[in-house]
């Protein structure tokens, strides 16, 4: 294998490992800040260089049956397919692979991802 490419792979692996370690440390620090802010009833916690803003995590779920009824009432049934997306894994479990294949399309982009793993042996 080309020495330059081998160095690039090893470099990328080291950086990837460092990033993952840092992301885990950041996650732990943010959780500690969140717990502190929650206990004190604060939405901001100040450091010497930075300010941590703690905010709610808000998610909206749409009832599909209700959406379909509303769209029909408003005469917008034709736009429903552009509004709805199905979760692939959940749909596969419910319908089975063969049924899913009849109503889905799969696109693949060659050479789009790179995964880095430690060599075995």
N, C-alpha and C. Protein backbone atom coordinates (compact mmCIF):
# COMPACT_ATOMS: atom_id res chain seq x y z
N UNK A 1 0.85 -1.19 0.00
CA UNK A 1 0.00 0.00 0.00
C UNK A 1 0.89 1.24 0.00
N UNK A 2 0.46 2.26 -0.67
CA UNK A 2 1.17 3.53 -0.73
C UNK A 2 1.38 4.05 0.69
N UNK A 3 2.65 4.39 1.03
CA UNK A 3 2.99 4.88 2.37
C UNK A 3 2.21 6.12 2.76
N UNK A 4 2.02 7.02 1.81
CA UNK A 4 1.29 8.26 2.09
C UNK A 4 -0.16 7.98 2.46
N UNK A 5 -0.80 7.10 1.72
CA UNK A 5 -2.18 6.73 2.00
C UNK A 5 -2.26 6.00 3.34
N UNK A 6 -1.32 5.14 3.62
CA UNK A 6 -1.30 4.41 4.90
C UNK A 6 -1.19 5.39 6.06
N UNK A 7 -0.36 6.40 5.92
CA UNK A 7 -0.23 7.45 6.95
C UNK A 7 -1.54 8.21 7.11
N UNK A 8 -2.20 8.51 5.99
CA UNK A 8 -3.47 9.23 6.05
C UNK A 8 -4.52 8.40 6.79
N UNK A 9 -4.59 7.11 6.52
CA UNK A 9 -5.55 6.23 7.19
C UNK A 9 -5.26 6.21 8.69
N UNK A 10 -4.01 6.04 9.06
CA UNK A 10 -3.64 6.00 10.48
C UNK A 10 -3.92 7.34 11.17
N UNK A 11 -3.60 8.43 10.48
CA UNK A 11 -3.88 9.77 11.02
C UNK A 11 -5.36 9.97 11.25
N UNK A 12 -6.15 9.60 10.25
CA UNK A 12 -7.60 9.75 10.34
C UNK A 12 -8.15 8.91 11.49
N UNK A 13 -7.62 7.69 11.66
CA UNK A 13 -8.06 6.82 12.76
C UNK A 13 -7.76 7.46 14.11
N UNK A 14 -6.57 7.99 14.27
CA UNK A 14 -6.18 8.64 15.54
C UNK A 14 -7.08 9.85 15.83
N UNK A 15 -7.30 10.67 14.83
CA UNK A 15 -8.15 11.87 15.00
C UNK A 15 -9.58 11.45 15.33
N UNK A 16 -10.08 10.44 14.62
CA UNK A 16 -11.43 9.94 14.87
C UNK A 16 -11.57 9.47 16.32
N UNK A 17 -10.58 8.75 16.81
CA UNK A 17 -10.61 8.27 18.20
C UNK A 17 -10.57 9.43 19.18
N UNK A 18 -9.74 10.43 18.91
CA UNK A 18 -9.65 11.61 19.78
C UNK A 18 -10.99 12.37 19.80
N UNK A 19 -11.60 12.52 18.63
CA UNK A 19 -12.89 13.22 18.54
C UNK A 19 -13.94 12.48 19.35
N UNK A 20 -14.00 11.16 19.21
CA UNK A 20 -14.99 10.38 19.96
C UNK A 20 -14.76 10.51 21.46
N UNK A 21 -13.50 10.49 21.89
CA UNK A 21 -13.19 10.67 23.32
C UNK A 21 -13.63 12.06 23.79
N UNK A 22 -13.33 13.07 22.98
CA UNK A 22 -13.72 14.44 23.34
C UNK A 22 -15.23 14.62 23.35
N UNK A 23 -15.91 13.99 22.41
CA UNK A 23 -17.38 14.08 22.37
C UNK A 23 -17.98 13.46 23.63
N UNK A 24 -17.42 12.36 24.09
CA UNK A 24 -17.91 11.71 25.32
C UNK A 24 -17.65 12.61 26.53
N UNK A 25 -16.48 13.23 26.59
CA UNK A 25 -16.18 14.16 27.70
C UNK A 25 -17.11 15.36 27.66
N UNK A 26 -17.36 15.89 26.46
CA UNK A 26 -18.26 17.03 26.31
C UNK A 26 -19.68 16.66 26.75
N UNK A 27 -20.13 15.49 26.36
CA UNK A 27 -21.46 15.02 26.75
C UNK A 27 -21.57 14.97 28.28
N UNK A 28 -20.55 14.44 28.94
CA UNK A 28 -20.54 14.35 30.41
C UNK A 28 -20.54 15.74 31.05
N UNK A 29 -19.73 16.64 30.52
CA UNK A 29 -19.68 18.01 31.05
C UNK A 29 -21.02 18.72 30.88
N UNK A 30 -21.62 18.59 29.71
CA UNK A 30 -22.91 19.22 29.46
C UNK A 30 -23.98 18.67 30.40
N UNK A 31 -23.94 17.36 30.65
CA UNK A 31 -24.91 16.76 31.57
C UNK A 31 -24.72 17.30 32.98
N UNK A 32 -23.48 17.47 33.42
CA UNK A 32 -23.21 18.05 34.75
C UNK A 32 -23.71 19.48 34.83
N UNK A 33 -23.49 20.26 33.78
CA UNK A 33 -23.96 21.65 33.74
C UNK A 33 -25.48 21.67 33.76
N UNK A 34 -26.11 20.79 32.98
CA UNK A 34 -27.57 20.71 32.93
C UNK A 34 -28.15 20.38 34.31
N UNK A 35 -27.55 19.41 34.98
CA UNK A 35 -28.02 19.01 36.32
C UNK A 35 -27.86 20.15 37.32
N UNK A 36 -26.74 20.85 37.25
CA UNK A 36 -26.50 22.00 38.14
C UNK A 36 -27.54 23.08 37.88
N UNK A 37 -27.74 23.42 36.61
CA UNK A 37 -28.70 24.47 36.26
C UNK A 37 -30.11 24.08 36.69
N UNK A 38 -30.45 22.82 36.50
CA UNK A 38 -31.78 22.34 36.89
C UNK A 38 -31.97 22.44 38.40
N UNK A 39 -30.96 22.02 39.16
CA UNK A 39 -31.06 22.07 40.62
C UNK A 39 -31.18 23.50 41.13
N UNK A 40 -30.54 24.43 40.46
CA UNK A 40 -30.54 25.84 40.89
C UNK A 40 -31.63 26.67 40.21
N UNK A 41 -32.33 26.07 39.24
CA UNK A 41 -33.38 26.80 38.52
C UNK A 41 -32.82 27.88 37.60
N UNK A 42 -31.66 27.62 37.02
CA UNK A 42 -30.99 28.60 36.15
C UNK A 42 -31.13 28.22 34.69
N UNK A 43 -31.19 29.23 33.82
CA UNK A 43 -31.15 28.94 32.39
C UNK A 43 -29.81 29.34 31.78
N UNK A 44 -28.96 29.97 32.59
CA UNK A 44 -27.60 30.31 32.15
C UNK A 44 -26.63 30.02 33.29
N UNK A 45 -25.48 29.47 32.94
CA UNK A 45 -24.42 29.21 33.89
C UNK A 45 -23.15 29.80 33.29
N UNK A 46 -22.49 30.67 34.06
CA UNK A 46 -21.31 31.36 33.52
C UNK A 46 -20.01 30.70 33.96
N UNK A 47 -19.09 30.65 33.02
CA UNK A 47 -17.72 30.26 33.31
C UNK A 47 -16.87 31.51 33.21
N UNK A 48 -15.54 31.37 33.20
CA UNK A 48 -14.66 32.53 33.04
C UNK A 48 -14.60 33.01 31.59
N UNK A 49 -14.75 32.07 30.65
CA UNK A 49 -14.65 32.41 29.22
C UNK A 49 -15.97 32.27 28.47
N UNK A 50 -16.89 31.48 29.00
CA UNK A 50 -18.08 31.15 28.23
C UNK A 50 -19.33 31.15 29.12
N UNK A 51 -20.47 31.15 28.46
CA UNK A 51 -21.76 31.06 29.13
C UNK A 51 -22.48 29.84 28.57
N UNK A 52 -22.99 28.98 29.45
CA UNK A 52 -23.78 27.82 29.03
C UNK A 52 -25.25 28.20 29.18
N UNK A 53 -25.99 28.07 28.10
CA UNK A 53 -27.42 28.34 28.12
C UNK A 53 -28.15 27.01 28.12
N UNK A 54 -29.02 26.83 29.11
CA UNK A 54 -29.77 25.59 29.25
C UNK A 54 -31.21 25.87 28.82
N UNK A 55 -31.70 25.08 27.89
CA UNK A 55 -33.05 25.31 27.36
C UNK A 55 -33.82 24.00 27.28
N UNK A 56 -35.13 24.10 27.16
CA UNK A 56 -35.93 22.87 27.04
C UNK A 56 -35.68 22.16 25.72
N UNK A 57 -35.89 20.87 25.72
CA UNK A 57 -35.86 20.07 24.49
C UNK A 57 -37.31 19.87 24.10
N UNK A 58 -37.73 20.52 23.02
CA UNK A 58 -39.12 20.48 22.61
C UNK A 58 -39.25 19.71 21.30
N UNK A 59 -40.14 18.75 21.29
CA UNK A 59 -40.38 17.95 20.08
C UNK A 59 -41.87 17.93 19.79
N UNK A 60 -42.19 17.98 18.54
CA UNK A 60 -43.59 17.94 18.12
C UNK A 60 -43.83 16.66 17.35
N UNK A 61 -44.86 15.93 17.72
CA UNK A 61 -45.27 14.75 16.98
C UNK A 61 -46.63 15.02 16.37
N UNK A 62 -46.79 14.60 15.14
CA UNK A 62 -48.06 14.81 14.44
C UNK A 62 -48.79 13.47 14.36
N UNK A 63 -50.04 13.48 14.77
CA UNK A 63 -50.90 12.31 14.66
C UNK A 63 -51.25 12.13 13.19
N UNK A 64 -50.81 11.03 12.61
CA UNK A 64 -50.98 10.82 11.17
C UNK A 64 -52.46 10.74 10.79
N UNK A 65 -53.24 10.04 11.60
CA UNK A 65 -54.69 9.94 11.29
C UNK A 65 -55.34 11.32 11.34
N UNK A 66 -55.00 12.09 12.36
CA UNK A 66 -55.52 13.45 12.47
C UNK A 66 -55.09 14.32 11.31
N UNK A 67 -53.83 14.17 10.88
CA UNK A 67 -53.33 14.94 9.75
C UNK A 67 -54.09 14.58 8.47
N UNK A 68 -54.33 13.30 8.29
CA UNK A 68 -55.06 12.86 7.10
C UNK A 68 -56.48 13.42 7.09
N UNK A 69 -57.14 13.40 8.23
CA UNK A 69 -58.50 13.95 8.32
C UNK A 69 -58.50 15.45 8.05
N UNK A 70 -57.51 16.15 8.63
CA UNK A 70 -57.42 17.60 8.43
C UNK A 70 -57.15 17.93 6.96
N UNK A 71 -56.24 17.20 6.35
CA UNK A 71 -55.92 17.44 4.93
C UNK A 71 -57.15 17.21 4.06
N UNK A 72 -57.90 16.16 4.38
CA UNK A 72 -59.12 15.88 3.60
C UNK A 72 -60.13 17.01 3.79
N UNK A 73 -60.29 17.45 5.04
CA UNK A 73 -61.23 18.54 5.34
C UNK A 73 -60.86 19.82 4.59
N UNK A 74 -59.56 20.06 4.46
CA UNK A 74 -59.07 21.27 3.79
C UNK A 74 -58.91 21.09 2.28
N UNK A 75 -59.19 19.87 1.80
CA UNK A 75 -59.04 19.61 0.37
C UNK A 75 -57.59 19.51 -0.07
N UNK A 76 -56.72 19.08 0.82
CA UNK A 76 -55.29 19.03 0.52
C UNK A 76 -54.73 17.61 0.51
N UNK A 77 -55.57 16.62 0.20
CA UNK A 77 -55.11 15.23 0.20
C UNK A 77 -53.92 15.01 -0.73
N UNK A 78 -53.88 15.75 -1.82
CA UNK A 78 -52.83 15.56 -2.82
C UNK A 78 -51.44 15.91 -2.29
N UNK A 79 -51.36 16.76 -1.26
CA UNK A 79 -50.04 17.14 -0.73
C UNK A 79 -49.55 16.18 0.35
N UNK A 80 -50.41 15.27 0.82
CA UNK A 80 -50.01 14.35 1.90
C UNK A 80 -48.73 13.56 1.61
N UNK A 81 -48.57 12.98 0.42
CA UNK A 81 -47.34 12.22 0.19
C UNK A 81 -46.06 13.05 0.36
N UNK A 82 -46.13 14.35 0.11
CA UNK A 82 -44.93 15.18 0.29
C UNK A 82 -44.71 15.53 1.75
N UNK A 83 -45.72 15.36 2.59
CA UNK A 83 -45.61 15.71 4.01
C UNK A 83 -45.21 14.53 4.88
N UNK A 84 -45.50 13.32 4.43
CA UNK A 84 -45.30 12.14 5.27
C UNK A 84 -44.02 11.41 4.91
N UNK A 85 -43.32 10.98 5.96
CA UNK A 85 -42.14 10.13 5.79
C UNK A 85 -42.29 8.99 6.78
N UNK A 86 -41.88 7.81 6.39
CA UNK A 86 -41.97 6.64 7.26
C UNK A 86 -40.59 6.31 7.81
N UNK A 87 -40.56 5.81 9.02
CA UNK A 87 -39.31 5.34 9.63
C UNK A 87 -39.01 3.96 9.04
N UNK A 88 -37.88 3.82 8.39
CA UNK A 88 -37.57 2.61 7.63
C UNK A 88 -37.54 1.36 8.51
N UNK A 89 -36.80 1.39 9.61
CA UNK A 89 -36.68 0.18 10.43
C UNK A 89 -38.02 -0.25 11.02
N UNK A 90 -38.79 0.72 11.53
CA UNK A 90 -40.08 0.39 12.10
C UNK A 90 -41.03 -0.15 11.04
N UNK A 91 -40.98 0.45 9.84
CA UNK A 91 -41.82 0.00 8.75
C UNK A 91 -41.42 -1.40 8.30
N UNK A 92 -40.13 -1.66 8.24
CA UNK A 92 -39.64 -2.98 7.84
C UNK A 92 -40.12 -4.05 8.82
N UNK A 93 -40.07 -3.72 10.11
CA UNK A 93 -40.53 -4.68 11.13
C UNK A 93 -42.03 -4.93 11.01
N UNK A 94 -42.80 -3.88 10.75
CA UNK A 94 -44.25 -4.01 10.69
C UNK A 94 -44.72 -4.70 9.41
N UNK A 95 -44.12 -4.36 8.28
CA UNK A 95 -44.60 -4.85 6.98
C UNK A 95 -43.80 -6.02 6.42
N UNK A 96 -42.56 -6.11 6.84
CA UNK A 96 -41.69 -7.12 6.26
C UNK A 96 -40.92 -6.56 5.08
N UNK A 97 -39.76 -7.13 4.83
CA UNK A 97 -38.85 -6.66 3.78
C UNK A 97 -39.49 -6.68 2.40
N UNK A 98 -40.22 -7.74 2.08
CA UNK A 98 -40.80 -7.88 0.75
C UNK A 98 -41.86 -6.80 0.51
N UNK A 99 -42.74 -6.59 1.48
CA UNK A 99 -43.75 -5.56 1.33
C UNK A 99 -43.14 -4.17 1.29
N UNK A 100 -42.11 -3.93 2.08
CA UNK A 100 -41.44 -2.63 2.09
C UNK A 100 -40.82 -2.35 0.72
N UNK A 101 -40.23 -3.35 0.12
CA UNK A 101 -39.58 -3.18 -1.18
C UNK A 101 -40.56 -2.71 -2.25
N UNK A 102 -41.83 -3.10 -2.11
CA UNK A 102 -42.82 -2.73 -3.13
C UNK A 102 -43.23 -1.26 -3.04
N UNK A 103 -42.92 -0.60 -1.93
CA UNK A 103 -43.33 0.80 -1.76
C UNK A 103 -42.16 1.73 -1.45
N UNK A 104 -40.95 1.27 -1.72
CA UNK A 104 -39.79 2.10 -1.38
C UNK A 104 -38.78 2.11 -2.50
N UNK A 105 -37.91 3.10 -2.45
CA UNK A 105 -36.78 3.15 -3.37
C UNK A 105 -35.52 3.33 -2.52
N UNK A 106 -34.44 2.78 -2.99
CA UNK A 106 -33.18 2.87 -2.28
C UNK A 106 -32.15 3.48 -3.22
N UNK A 107 -31.45 4.48 -2.73
CA UNK A 107 -30.38 5.10 -3.53
C UNK A 107 -29.07 4.91 -2.80
N UNK A 108 -28.04 4.65 -3.53
CA UNK A 108 -26.71 4.46 -2.94
C UNK A 108 -25.70 5.30 -3.70
N UNK A 109 -24.85 5.99 -2.97
CA UNK A 109 -23.80 6.80 -3.57
C UNK A 109 -22.47 6.08 -3.34
N UNK A 110 -21.84 5.61 -4.40
CA UNK A 110 -20.58 4.88 -4.25
C UNK A 110 -19.49 5.74 -3.60
N UNK A 111 -18.72 5.13 -2.76
CA UNK A 111 -17.56 5.77 -2.13
C UNK A 111 -17.92 7.04 -1.36
N UNK A 112 -19.08 7.04 -0.69
CA UNK A 112 -19.55 8.24 0.00
C UNK A 112 -19.14 8.27 1.48
N UNK A 113 -18.83 7.11 2.06
CA UNK A 113 -18.52 7.05 3.49
C UNK A 113 -17.17 6.39 3.71
N UNK A 114 -16.56 6.76 4.83
CA UNK A 114 -15.33 6.10 5.24
C UNK A 114 -15.49 5.74 6.73
N UNK A 115 -15.31 4.48 7.05
CA UNK A 115 -15.34 4.03 8.45
C UNK A 115 -13.93 3.63 8.83
N UNK A 116 -13.52 4.01 10.02
CA UNK A 116 -12.16 3.72 10.47
C UNK A 116 -12.19 2.72 11.61
N UNK A 117 -11.50 1.60 11.46
CA UNK A 117 -11.44 0.55 12.48
C UNK A 117 -10.00 0.17 12.74
N UNK A 118 -9.73 -0.22 13.97
CA UNK A 118 -8.40 -0.69 14.34
C UNK A 118 -8.16 -2.03 13.64
N UNK A 119 -6.96 -2.21 13.09
CA UNK A 119 -6.62 -3.45 12.41
C UNK A 119 -6.64 -4.60 13.42
N UNK A 120 -7.09 -5.75 12.97
CA UNK A 120 -7.10 -6.95 13.83
C UNK A 120 -5.87 -7.77 13.51
N UNK A 121 -5.23 -8.24 14.56
CA UNK A 121 -4.09 -9.13 14.39
C UNK A 121 -2.86 -8.41 14.23
